[in-house]
Amino acid sequence: MTTILETERLTLRPFAAADLDALVPIYGDAAVMAIRKLGVQTPAQTKCQLAEIIDHWRRHGFGLWAVIERSSGALIGECGLRHLDQGQVEISYGLTQSAWGRGLATEASLAVLEYAFRVVGLAEVVAIAKATNLASHRVMEKLGMHRSATWSRDAIDRVEYMIRAEEFSGTPKTRIPRP
């Protein structure tokens, strides 16, 4: 089943191999990737990342969605869920610079959390960001998440936010498929 989420301004759909050309400039943008955990990616690295995104969907039945701006039809980033090595499920989001400051990361993430809790049935979801990425912290707080851990790895300070299903209030503007 192909799961597509729709919000007032966005459509979230699973990535396809054909999205590579749209994803390369996003993953290659130093400003966008400076705040991401991956760092700037070459086209070859982006191709590998895209293959991993698609494979995650195959293995888990959910993953990162391509975020499409409904007004333009443009792929403006990614938002979705992924399993972490520790068994947790993380919400992750990253949008092109033209989408910053417009509430789109929050809008997409609310739809993803609603899907995570109401369709997938997850008990909790975490989000991890660089400690210096205050814009991402604000998104996490708008989602109702609270800081649950801090640590340093590879000389980078990181924070973890978390939300449990019973803490999530959701949004009535999201259209999600029901099982």
Protein backbone atom coordinates (compact mmCIF):
# COMPACT_ATOMS: atom_id res chain seq x y z
CA MET A 1 0.00 0.00 0.00
CA THR A 2 1.32 3.43 -0.92
CA THR A 3 0.71 5.79 1.98
CA ILE A 4 0.20 9.42 1.06
CA LEU A 5 -0.42 12.08 3.69
CA GLU A 6 -2.01 15.42 2.85
CA THR A 7 -2.04 18.63 4.83
CA GLU A 8 -3.32 22.08 3.96
CA ARG A 9 -0.14 22.98 2.01
CA LEU A 10 1.74 19.71 1.56
CA THR A 11 1.56 16.22 0.15
CA LEU A 12 3.84 13.60 1.69
CA ARG A 13 4.46 10.51 -0.40
CA PRO A 14 7.02 7.72 -0.31
CA PHE A 15 10.21 8.47 -2.22
CA ALA A 16 10.89 6.84 -5.58
CA ALA A 17 14.16 6.41 -7.47
CA ALA A 18 12.93 9.10 -9.87
CA ASP A 19 13.24 11.67 -7.03
CA LEU A 20 17.04 11.61 -7.16
CA ASP A 21 17.38 14.70 -9.37
CA ALA A 22 15.21 16.74 -6.99
CA LEU A 23 16.98 15.42 -3.88
CA VAL A 24 20.58 16.02 -5.03
CA PRO A 25 20.43 19.85 -4.69
CA ILE A 26 18.82 19.57 -1.24
CA TYR A 27 21.37 17.07 0.10
CA GLY A 28 24.14 19.05 -1.59
CA ASP A 29 23.14 22.40 -0.08
CA ALA A 30 25.71 23.34 2.58
CA ALA A 31 23.24 25.53 4.51
CA VAL A 32 20.58 22.80 4.62
CA MET A 33 22.99 20.02 5.51
CA ALA A 34 24.97 22.05 8.06
CA ILE A 35 22.11 21.51 10.48
CA ARG A 36 21.52 17.87 9.51
CA LYS A 37 23.37 14.92 10.99
CA LEU A 38 24.51 13.63 7.57
CA GLY A 39 26.47 16.64 6.40
CA VAL A 40 26.70 17.67 2.74
CA GLN A 41 26.21 14.72 0.39
CA THR A 42 27.64 14.20 -3.09
CA PRO A 43 25.25 13.02 -5.84
CA ALA A 44 26.60 9.47 -5.39
CA GLN A 45 26.05 9.64 -1.62
CA THR A 46 22.55 11.05 -2.18
CA LYS A 47 21.78 8.12 -4.47
CA CYS A 48 22.84 5.72 -1.70
CA GLN A 49 20.78 7.62 0.87
CA LEU A 50 17.74 7.49 -1.41
CA ALA A 51 18.18 3.72 -1.84
CA GLU A 52 18.31 3.37 1.97
CA ILE A 53 15.14 5.47 2.33
CA ILE A 54 13.30 3.28 -0.17
CA ASP A 55 14.62 0.10 1.47
CA HIS A 56 13.48 1.30 4.91
CA TRP A 57 9.91 1.52 3.55
CA ARG A 58 10.22 -2.03 2.19
CA ARG A 59 11.51 -3.42 5.50
CA HIS A 60 9.30 -1.48 7.95
CA GLY A 61 6.21 -0.33 6.07
CA PHE A 62 7.00 3.32 6.84
CA GLY A 63 9.89 5.72 6.42
CA LEU A 64 10.78 9.16 5.12
CA TRP A 65 8.23 10.77 2.84
CA ALA A 66 9.06 13.16 0.01
CA VAL A 67 7.55 16.51 0.99
CA ILE A 68 5.79 18.12 -1.97
CA GLU A 69 4.55 21.70 -1.85
CA ARG A 70 1.01 21.49 -3.19
CA SER A 71 0.96 25.00 -4.70
CA SER A 72 4.04 24.41 -6.88
CA GLY A 73 4.31 20.62 -7.09
CA ALA A 74 7.97 20.93 -6.09
CA LEU A 75 9.77 18.41 -3.90
CA ILE A 76 10.99 20.60 -1.03
CA GLY A 77 12.47 18.03 1.34
CA GLU A 78 11.79 15.01 3.48
CA CYS A 79 9.90 14.19 6.63
CA GLY A 80 9.12 10.86 8.19
CA LEU A 81 10.01 8.03 10.49
CA ARG A 82 13.00 5.77 10.75
CA HIS A 83 14.19 3.05 13.06
CA LEU A 84 17.32 3.82 15.05
CA ASP A 85 19.90 1.23 16.10
CA GLN A 86 18.67 1.45 19.70
CA GLY A 87 15.18 0.26 18.68
CA GLN A 88 13.64 3.70 18.90
CA VAL A 89 11.73 5.33 16.06
CA GLU A 90 12.86 8.84 15.13
CA ILE A 91 10.95 11.54 13.32
CA SER A 92 13.26 13.33 10.91
CA TYR A 93 12.69 16.37 8.72
CA GLY A 94 14.75 18.49 6.40
CA LEU A 95 13.53 21.09 3.95
CA THR A 96 15.11 23.24 1.28
CA GLN A 97 16.01 26.80 2.31
CA SER A 98 13.06 28.26 0.37
CA ALA A 99 10.73 26.38 2.75
CA TRP A 100 12.32 27.64 5.97
CA GLY A 101 10.42 29.93 8.33
CA ARG A 102 6.97 29.11 6.91
CA GLY A 103 5.86 26.44 9.39
CA LEU A 104 6.15 23.67 6.80
CA ALA A 105 8.41 21.42 8.89
CA THR A 106 5.90 21.60 11.74
CA GLU A 107 2.98 20.98 9.39
CA ALA A 108 4.63 17.93 7.83
CA SER A 109 5.80 16.59 11.18
CA LEU A 110 2.34 16.84 12.74
CA ALA A 111 0.97 14.69 9.90
CA VAL A 112 3.78 12.17 10.38
CA LEU A 113 3.25 11.96 14.15
CA GLU A 114 -0.48 11.48 13.66
CA TYR A 115 0.31 8.60 11.30
CA ALA A 116 2.91 7.17 13.71
CA PHE A 117 0.52 7.07 16.65
CA ARG A 118 -2.88 6.50 15.04
CA VAL A 119 -2.00 4.19 12.15
CA VAL A 120 1.33 2.51 12.94
CA GLY A 121 0.48 2.34 16.65
CA LEU A 122 3.83 3.49 18.02
CA ALA A 123 3.99 4.18 21.75
CA GLU A 124 6.60 6.95 21.45
CA VAL A 125 8.69 8.80 18.90
CA VAL A 126 12.00 10.61 19.40
CA ALA A 127 13.70 13.41 17.48
CA ILE A 128 17.44 14.06 17.52
CA ALA A 129 19.14 17.29 16.51
CA LYS A 130 22.37 19.13 16.92
CA ALA A 131 22.31 21.18 20.10
CA THR A 132 22.98 24.31 18.03
CA ASN A 133 19.99 23.74 15.71
CA LEU A 134 17.55 25.92 17.63
CA ALA A 135 15.05 26.10 14.75
CA SER A 136 14.68 22.33 14.90
CA HIS A 137 14.26 22.48 18.68
CA ARG A 138 11.39 24.95 18.17
CA VAL A 139 9.72 22.56 15.70
CA MET A 140 10.02 19.70 18.21
CA GLU A 141 8.51 21.84 20.95
CA LYS A 142 5.62 22.90 18.67
CA LEU A 143 4.95 19.19 18.12
CA GLY A 144 4.53 18.78 21.88
CA MET A 145 7.86 16.99 22.32
CA HIS A 146 10.00 17.48 25.40
CA ARG A 147 13.77 17.23 25.81
CA SER A 148 14.69 13.80 27.11
CA ALA A 149 18.47 13.52 26.67
CA THR A 150 21.64 15.37 25.74
CA TRP A 151 25.03 13.95 24.73
CA SER A 152 28.07 14.54 22.56
CA ARG A 153 29.30 12.33 19.72
CA ASP A 154 32.04 13.09 17.21
CA ALA A 155 32.61 16.44 18.99
CA ILE A 156 29.01 17.49 18.23
CA ASP A 157 26.56 18.19 21.05
CA ARG A 158 23.17 16.60 20.41
CA VAL A 159 19.73 16.67 21.99
CA GLU A 160 16.90 14.18 21.97
CA TYR A 161 13.27 15.16 22.26
CA MET A 162 10.48 12.64 22.84
CA ILE A 163 6.71 12.40 22.74
CA ARG A 164 4.43 9.55 23.81
CA ALA A 165 1.24 8.65 21.99
CA GLU A 166 -0.94 9.77 24.91
CA GLU A 167 0.75 13.22 24.91
CA PHE A 168 0.08 13.87 21.22
CA SER A 169 -2.92 16.07 20.45
CA GLY A 170 -2.70 15.79 16.65
CA THR A 171 -4.16 18.04 14.02
CA PRO A 172 -7.58 17.88 12.37
CA LYS A 173 -6.18 19.28 9.09
CA THR A 174 -4.26 16.11 8.17
CA ARG A 175 -5.83 13.55 5.88
CA ILE A 176 -4.29 10.14 6.50
CA PRO A 177 -5.37 6.74 5.26
CA ARG A 178 -6.87 4.39 7.80
CA PRO A 179 -5.84 0.72 7.89
